[in-house]
Protein backbone atom coordinates (compact mmCIF):
# COMPACT_ATOMS: atom_id res chain seq x y z
CA MET A 1 -31.03 1.27 -6.61
CA ASP A 2 -29.24 0.09 -9.39
CA LEU A 3 -25.87 1.86 -10.11
CA GLU A 4 -27.23 4.06 -12.59
CA GLU A 5 -30.22 5.35 -10.43
CA PHE A 6 -27.61 5.81 -7.71
CA ILE A 7 -25.53 8.58 -10.30
CA ARG A 8 -28.55 10.14 -10.80
CA LYS A 9 -29.40 10.83 -7.06
CA ILE A 10 -26.28 11.20 -5.53
CA ASP A 11 -25.41 14.56 -3.68
CA ARG A 12 -22.04 15.04 -5.61
CA ARG A 13 -20.80 17.28 -3.23
CA GLN A 14 -21.20 15.38 -0.49
CA MET A 15 -19.58 12.68 -1.61
CA VAL A 16 -16.56 14.26 -2.49
CA VAL A 17 -16.04 14.87 1.03
CA VAL A 18 -15.86 11.23 1.87
CA PRO A 19 -12.11 10.84 -0.33
CA ALA A 20 -10.94 14.21 0.88
CA ALA A 21 -11.68 13.13 4.71
CA VAL A 22 -10.04 9.47 4.52
CA LEU A 23 -6.95 11.44 2.54
CA ALA A 24 -6.60 14.31 5.45
CA LEU A 25 -6.62 11.13 7.98
CA SER A 26 -4.06 9.62 6.42
CA ILE A 27 -1.62 12.16 5.98
CA ILE A 28 -2.46 13.05 9.35
CA ILE A 29 -1.21 9.37 10.22
CA LEU A 30 1.79 9.60 8.24
CA ALA A 31 2.76 13.28 9.80
CA ALA A 32 2.07 12.05 13.16
CA THR A 33 4.35 8.82 12.74
CA TYR A 34 6.89 11.49 11.22
CA PHE A 35 7.33 13.66 14.30
CA THR A 36 7.15 10.28 16.44
CA THR A 37 10.05 8.04 14.74
CA GLY A 38 11.79 10.46 12.40
CA SER A 39 10.03 8.79 9.24
CA PRO A 40 6.44 9.09 7.58
CA VAL A 41 6.23 5.34 7.60
CA ARG A 42 7.40 2.48 10.21
CA MET A 43 10.54 0.97 8.43
CA GLY A 44 11.16 -2.57 8.50
CA ILE A 45 14.52 -4.53 9.50
CA GLU A 46 15.27 -4.35 5.75
CA PHE A 47 15.90 -0.44 6.29
CA THR A 48 16.62 0.01 9.77
CA GLY A 49 19.27 -3.24 9.77
CA GLY A 50 19.69 -5.25 12.92
CA THR A 51 19.16 -8.87 13.29
CA LEU A 52 16.38 -10.82 12.46
CA ILE A 53 15.96 -14.27 14.83
CA THR A 54 13.15 -17.34 14.32
CA VAL A 55 12.94 -20.02 16.59
CA PRO A 56 10.58 -22.91 17.46
CA ALA A 57 7.52 -21.46 19.81
CA ASP A 58 8.18 -24.48 22.19
CA GLU A 59 8.41 -22.15 25.33
CA PRO A 60 6.94 -18.99 27.03
CA GLU A 61 7.84 -15.99 25.83
CA SER A 62 9.36 -14.84 29.18
CA GLN A 63 11.75 -18.03 29.04
CA VAL A 64 12.67 -17.09 25.33
CA LEU A 65 14.02 -13.52 26.40
CA SER A 66 15.62 -14.95 29.71
CA LYS A 67 17.74 -17.30 27.25
CA LEU A 68 18.66 -14.18 25.61
CA GLU A 69 19.54 -11.71 28.63
CA GLY A 70 21.75 -9.15 28.39
CA TYR A 71 20.86 -8.38 24.36
CA ASP A 72 18.75 -5.34 23.15
CA ILE A 73 15.77 -7.04 22.24
CA SER A 74 13.40 -4.61 20.08
CA GLU A 75 10.40 -6.96 19.40
CA LEU A 76 9.71 -10.25 20.01
CA ARG A 77 6.00 -11.91 18.43
CA ARG A 78 4.66 -14.73 17.95
CA VAL A 79 3.67 -16.14 14.40
CA GLY A 80 2.05 -19.37 14.12
CA SER A 81 4.41 -21.91 15.60
CA ARG A 82 7.57 -19.74 15.66
CA TYR A 83 8.64 -16.58 17.53
CA TYR A 84 9.85 -13.81 15.90
CA ILE A 85 12.84 -11.86 17.44
CA GLN A 86 14.52 -8.73 16.15
CA LEU A 87 17.25 -6.69 17.45
CA PRO A 88 19.15 -3.38 16.46
CA PRO A 89 22.19 -3.26 14.52
CA MET A 90 25.31 -4.16 16.40
CA GLY A 91 29.02 -4.94 16.18
CA SER A 92 30.68 -8.01 14.62
CA GLU A 93 31.90 -9.44 18.11
CA GLU A 94 28.43 -8.64 19.57
CA TYR A 95 26.73 -10.63 16.85
CA LYS A 96 29.14 -13.95 16.80
CA SER A 97 28.40 -13.99 20.39
CA LEU A 98 24.69 -13.95 20.23
CA ALA A 99 24.88 -16.52 16.93
CA ARG A 100 26.69 -18.82 19.47
CA THR A 101 23.93 -18.25 22.08
CA VAL A 102 21.31 -18.83 19.89
CA ASN A 103 22.43 -22.17 18.54
CA GLU A 104 23.20 -23.04 22.07
CA GLN A 105 19.69 -22.70 23.35
CA PHE A 106 17.45 -23.04 20.60
CA PRO A 107 16.80 -26.05 18.18
CA ASP A 108 16.04 -25.29 14.75
CA ALA A 109 16.79 -21.76 14.73
CA GLU A 110 17.20 -19.26 11.92
CA ILE A 111 19.19 -15.99 12.39
CA ARG A 112 19.58 -13.32 9.50
CA TYR A 113 21.61 -10.28 9.73
CA ILE A 114 21.58 -7.12 7.80
CA GLY A 115 23.97 -4.62 7.73
CA PRO A 116 23.68 -0.84 8.56
CA VAL A 117 25.37 0.27 5.36
CA TYR A 118 23.17 -2.16 3.36
CA SER A 119 20.18 -0.46 5.17
CA LYS A 120 21.17 2.90 4.49
CA GLN A 121 21.37 2.36 1.07
CA LEU A 122 17.95 1.14 0.86
CA GLN A 123 16.75 4.00 2.40
CA SER A 124 17.98 6.41 -0.35
CA ASP A 125 17.32 4.16 -2.71
CA ALA A 126 13.37 3.22 -2.08
CA PRO A 127 12.27 6.73 -1.91
CA ARG A 128 14.23 7.76 -5.26
CA TYR A 129 12.97 4.68 -7.29
CA LEU A 130 9.19 5.39 -5.94
CA LEU A 131 9.54 8.84 -7.24
CA MET A 132 11.42 8.50 -10.10
CA SER A 133 8.27 5.34 -10.93
CA PHE A 134 5.38 8.52 -10.25
CA ILE A 135 7.32 10.94 -12.26
CA LEU A 136 7.82 8.74 -15.57
CA MET A 137 3.73 7.73 -15.31
CA ALA A 138 2.73 11.56 -14.69
CA LEU A 139 5.08 12.02 -18.33
CA VAL A 140 2.95 9.49 -20.04
CA VAL A 141 -0.25 10.40 -18.31
CA PHE A 142 0.35 14.04 -20.14
CA PHE A 143 1.48 12.91 -23.38
CA VAL A 144 -1.58 10.77 -23.83
CA PHE A 145 -4.09 13.49 -23.10
CA ARG A 146 -1.91 16.65 -23.62
CA GLN A 147 -4.26 18.43 -21.61
CA PRO A 148 -3.06 19.88 -18.43
CA VAL A 149 -6.19 19.98 -16.16
CA VAL A 150 -7.35 16.40 -17.08
CA SER A 151 -3.72 14.59 -16.81
CA GLY A 152 -3.19 17.02 -13.42
CA ILE A 153 -6.57 15.34 -12.02
CA VAL A 154 -5.30 11.62 -12.94
CA VAL A 155 -1.83 12.28 -11.42
CA LEU A 156 -3.54 13.70 -8.45
CA CYS A 157 -5.83 10.81 -7.87
CA ALA A 158 -3.08 8.24 -8.33
CA LEU A 159 -0.96 10.52 -5.46
CA ALA A 160 -3.91 10.25 -3.50
CA ASP A 161 -4.23 6.40 -3.71
CA ILE A 162 -0.55 6.06 -2.96
CA VAL A 163 -0.85 8.25 0.30
CA ILE A 164 -4.03 6.57 1.55
CA ALA A 165 -2.26 3.05 1.01
CA ALA A 166 0.70 4.23 3.17
CA GLY A 167 -1.25 6.03 5.72
CA MET A 168 -3.72 2.74 6.57
CA MET A 169 -0.97 0.66 6.31
CA THR A 170 0.88 2.43 8.85
CA ALA A 171 -1.90 2.52 10.98
CA VAL A 172 -2.59 -0.97 11.15
CA GLY A 173 1.00 -1.74 11.89
CA VAL A 174 2.53 -3.09 8.25
CA LYS A 175 5.92 -1.58 7.96
CA LEU A 176 8.11 -0.50 4.93
CA SER A 177 9.66 -3.19 3.77
CA LEU A 178 10.87 -4.60 0.28
CA GLY A 179 7.89 -6.43 -0.35
CA THR A 180 5.68 -3.21 0.57
CA VAL A 181 7.84 -1.30 -1.95
CA ALA A 182 6.77 -3.41 -4.65
CA ALA A 183 2.91 -3.18 -3.32
CA LEU A 184 3.19 0.48 -3.74
CA LEU A 185 5.12 0.55 -7.00
CA MET A 186 2.38 -1.74 -8.45
CA LEU A 187 -0.47 0.83 -7.06
CA ILE A 188 1.13 3.64 -9.11
CA GLY A 189 0.59 1.61 -12.36
CA TYR A 190 -3.18 0.18 -11.17
CA SER A 191 -4.33 3.57 -9.74
CA VAL A 192 -3.61 5.31 -13.19
CA ASP A 193 -5.21 2.56 -15.08
CA THR A 194 -9.04 2.88 -13.71
CA ASP A 195 -8.43 6.86 -13.99
CA ILE A 196 -7.19 6.65 -17.79
CA LEU A 197 -10.23 4.22 -18.33
CA LEU A 198 -12.59 6.97 -16.74
CA THR A 199 -11.03 9.65 -18.78
CA VAL A 200 -10.87 8.08 -22.43
CA ARG A 201 -14.74 7.19 -21.97
CA VAL A 202 -15.76 10.61 -21.13
CA LEU A 203 -13.58 12.63 -23.21
CA ARG A 204 -13.33 10.59 -26.37
CA ARG A 205 -16.71 8.97 -26.67
CA LYS A 206 -20.04 10.50 -28.01
CA GLY A 207 -23.33 10.00 -25.86
CA PRO A 208 -24.60 11.70 -22.61
CA LEU A 209 -22.38 12.25 -20.18
CA ASN A 210 -23.86 10.23 -17.36
CA GLU A 211 -23.85 7.24 -19.90
CA LYS A 212 -20.04 7.16 -20.66
CA VAL A 213 -19.55 7.58 -16.86
CA LEU A 214 -21.96 4.78 -15.93
CA GLY A 215 -20.29 2.27 -18.47
CA ALA A 216 -16.92 3.45 -17.59
CA MET A 217 -17.53 2.49 -13.97
CA ARG A 218 -19.26 -0.87 -14.44
CA THR A 219 -16.08 -2.08 -16.65
CA GLY A 220 -13.91 -0.42 -13.68
CA LEU A 221 -15.71 -1.91 -10.89
CA ILE A 222 -15.38 -5.28 -12.33
CA MET A 223 -11.75 -5.02 -12.96
CA THR A 224 -10.90 -3.72 -9.45
CA SER A 225 -13.76 -6.12 -7.39
CA THR A 226 -11.82 -9.03 -9.32
CA THR A 227 -8.69 -7.54 -7.86
CA LEU A 228 -10.17 -7.19 -4.36
CA SER A 229 -11.23 -10.78 -4.51
CA ALA A 230 -7.27 -12.40 -5.24
CA VAL A 231 -6.09 -10.21 -2.67
CA ILE A 232 -8.93 -10.86 0.28
CA VAL A 233 -8.04 -14.66 -0.51
CA LEU A 234 -3.97 -13.67 -0.14
CA ILE A 235 -4.94 -12.17 3.02
CA LEU A 236 -6.48 -15.15 4.27
CA VAL A 237 -4.18 -17.51 3.06
CA SER A 238 -0.72 -15.27 4.47
CA SER A 239 -2.25 -14.15 7.77
CA ILE A 240 -5.22 -15.84 8.93
CA ILE A 241 -5.12 -19.37 8.17
CA TYR A 242 -2.39 -20.18 10.27
CA LEU A 243 -5.02 -19.27 13.20
CA VAL A 244 -7.23 -21.88 12.30
CA SER A 245 -4.57 -24.70 11.66
CA PRO A 246 -1.15 -24.45 13.37
CA THR A 247 0.56 -26.67 10.36
CA PHE A 248 0.23 -23.50 8.43
CA THR A 249 2.77 -20.44 8.67
CA LYS A 250 1.89 -16.80 8.09
CA ILE A 251 3.72 -15.76 5.10
CA ASP A 252 4.48 -12.10 6.17
CA VAL A 253 5.59 -10.77 3.07
CA ILE A 254 2.50 -11.86 1.11
CA SER A 255 0.79 -10.61 3.82
CA ASP A 256 2.11 -7.10 3.94
CA ILE A 257 1.88 -6.88 0.33
CA SER A 258 -1.62 -7.83 0.38
CA VAL A 259 -3.09 -5.42 2.92
CA VAL A 260 -0.97 -2.56 1.03
CA LEU A 261 -2.98 -3.75 -2.16
CA PHE A 262 -6.05 -3.56 -0.55
CA PHE A 263 -6.34 -0.36 1.14
CA GLY A 264 -4.86 1.10 -2.23
CA LEU A 265 -7.58 -0.56 -4.42
CA LEU A 266 -10.16 0.79 -1.96
CA ALA A 267 -8.47 4.13 -2.11
CA ASP A 268 -8.62 4.04 -6.26
CA MET A 269 -12.25 3.13 -6.21
CA MET A 270 -13.04 6.41 -4.17
CA ASN A 271 -10.99 8.40 -6.04
CA THR A 272 -11.63 7.60 -9.44
CA TRP A 273 -15.25 7.17 -9.35
CA ILE A 274 -15.77 9.91 -7.00
CA THR A 275 -13.15 12.50 -7.00
CA ASN A 276 -11.93 11.85 -10.56
CA VAL A 277 -15.61 11.83 -11.88
CA GLN A 278 -16.54 14.90 -10.17
CA ALA A 279 -13.57 16.57 -11.39
CA LEU A 280 -14.25 15.68 -14.99
CA ARG A 281 -17.54 16.78 -14.86
CA TRP A 282 -16.47 20.27 -13.70
CA TYR A 283 -14.24 20.38 -16.53
CA VAL A 284 -16.75 19.06 -19.26
CA GLN A 285 -18.90 21.73 -18.13
CA ARG A 286 -16.49 24.59 -18.37
CA ASN A 287 -15.61 23.32 -22.17
CA PRO A 288 -18.58 22.77 -24.20
CA LYS A 289 -16.79 21.23 -27.02
CA LEU A 290 -15.51 18.30 -25.04
CA ALA A 291 -19.16 16.91 -23.81
CA ARG A 292 -20.04 16.33 -27.15
CA GLY A 293 -17.39 13.32 -27.37
CA GLY A 294 -16.47 11.70 -30.09
CA LYS A 295 -13.34 9.18 -30.99
CA ARG A 296 -9.90 10.43 -32.33
């Protein structure tokens, strides 16, 4: 079945259920995380503060823990040929004692400390900048189309993309870090890109509605598929290839960014080519003058 036949034959009301269900599931995940942790997403060390130690994985985890006995270890995980050990915020004297212990017990150890003042500042700044970016994007969309309903559809679809990406990243265990914040900011721009492509084709070009939707879908799916391919390669290189060869190391920042973008792009495909298409159909059918289209 080609794309044109698929568009003609699908049950549009049933198709809208899919993105709506995924959005509802994401909201439930974020709400459950909020009630259990006090935040809708799990915070990384940049936002919670603390100490991150990386040591060579030359011995069992139990032996590593025994060497750090007496310290409150919040997380220990093995990534490639190294252990990542995370501890909560501590006083300066305790940190000095920890640093001495690590340097004595582990060769080639690395210690990274993030103070509580810096992490609290990030906790207040990150949501503010995300909200500011989203508001500015919404203002640009309203300025371009100057039609409240059309602009609102684009903004709501972009918001759904962000919510789904945040919910899915929480579900798979990716924490909020500076890298994932950057990924969410990228999604704000990318989400409206395909929605604007669709809306401009439908409202400002002449021809039957299905043909305009089909032309926009072909272009948009090629764009998103190309980006998705690049993101999948990044996921493979940064978080899977080290399992095949120990000479490679997992790159956490790139892995987290890639996972967030992966879920965000999948959400964008659903919300643009199902939700936005059906909303535009509904709007155009109630405004017959728009159905004729035409370049401005």
